[in-house]
């Protein structure tokens, strides 16, 4: 059967944390500055309503991924 893969990426950004978080969490505006598209895995949900541990569909050029939201405005998972 298929294999599950895990990828962890770290990037250092020269900007205040709150600025980066506000841009990164603004999923509907991603197309303004990124070639990625992000949407909820469940089509009846809005991207802004996702809670930690919910799935997102991520399209990065030629790769289509499923991601799990780990951090929300008020909740951070361990």
Protein backbone atom coordinates (compact mmCIF):
# COMPACT_ATOMS: atom_id res chain seq x y z
CA UNK A 1 0.00 0.00 0.00
CA UNK A 2 0.97 3.67 -0.07
CA UNK A 3 3.44 5.17 2.32
CA UNK A 4 2.90 8.18 4.54
CA UNK A 5 5.64 10.78 4.45
CA UNK A 6 6.41 13.62 6.80
CA UNK A 7 8.27 16.78 5.93
CA UNK A 8 9.38 19.48 8.35
CA UNK A 9 10.68 22.76 6.96
CA UNK A 10 12.17 25.66 8.90
CA UNK A 11 12.65 29.11 7.40
CA UNK A 12 14.19 32.14 9.10
CA UNK A 13 12.33 35.35 8.20
CA UNK A 14 13.71 38.79 9.04
CA UNK A 15 10.45 40.32 10.28
CA UNK A 16 8.56 40.63 13.56
CA UNK A 17 6.73 37.44 14.56
CA UNK A 18 3.30 39.10 14.67
CA UNK A 19 3.70 40.43 11.11
CA UNK A 20 4.66 37.01 9.77
CA UNK A 21 1.85 35.27 11.66
CA UNK A 22 -0.77 37.72 10.44
CA UNK A 23 0.31 37.28 6.80
CA UNK A 24 0.65 33.52 6.98
CA UNK A 25 -2.73 33.03 8.65
CA UNK A 26 -4.50 35.19 6.07
CA UNK A 27 -5.16 32.20 3.79
CA UNK A 28 -7.62 33.97 1.45
CA UNK A 29 -4.90 36.50 0.52
CA UNK A 30 -2.19 33.89 -0.18
CA UNK A 31 -2.51 34.31 -3.97
CA UNK A 32 -1.45 37.97 -3.60
CA UNK A 33 2.08 36.99 -2.53
CA UNK A 34 2.45 33.23 -3.01
CA UNK A 35 1.97 30.67 -5.76
CA UNK A 36 0.46 28.29 -3.17
CA UNK A 37 -3.26 27.77 -2.78
CA UNK A 38 -4.71 26.62 0.54
CA UNK A 39 -8.28 25.55 1.21
CA UNK A 40 -10.08 23.41 3.78
CA UNK A 41 -10.11 19.67 3.09
CA UNK A 42 -13.83 19.73 3.93
CA UNK A 43 -15.47 21.88 1.26
CA UNK A 44 -18.31 23.03 3.55
CA UNK A 45 -15.83 24.81 5.87
CA UNK A 46 -14.36 28.28 5.45
CA UNK A 47 -10.58 28.53 5.67
CA UNK A 48 -10.86 31.16 8.42
CA UNK A 49 -12.93 28.78 10.57
CA UNK A 50 -10.40 25.95 10.72
CA UNK A 51 -9.36 24.80 14.17
CA UNK A 52 -6.16 22.99 15.21
CA UNK A 53 -5.84 19.45 13.89
CA UNK A 54 -8.19 20.07 10.95
CA UNK A 55 -6.96 19.26 7.45
CA UNK A 56 -6.19 21.65 4.60
CA UNK A 57 -5.54 21.00 0.92
CA UNK A 58 -2.35 22.72 -0.23
CA UNK A 59 -1.40 23.13 -3.88
CA UNK A 60 2.27 24.08 -4.31
CA UNK A 61 2.93 24.36 -8.04
CA UNK A 62 3.03 20.72 -9.22
CA UNK A 63 2.56 19.16 -5.77
CA UNK A 64 -0.77 18.65 -4.05
CA UNK A 65 -0.53 18.06 -0.30
CA UNK A 66 -2.76 17.59 2.71
CA UNK A 67 -1.64 19.62 5.72
CA UNK A 68 -2.83 19.72 9.33
CA UNK A 69 -3.38 23.08 11.02
CA UNK A 70 -1.34 23.08 14.26
CA UNK A 71 -1.69 26.68 15.47
CA UNK A 72 -4.74 28.90 15.63
CA UNK A 73 -5.16 32.45 16.98
CA UNK A 74 -5.92 31.28 20.49
CA UNK A 75 -4.85 27.64 20.59
CA UNK A 76 -1.43 26.06 20.12
CA UNK A 77 -1.09 22.31 19.99
CA UNK A 78 1.98 20.65 21.57
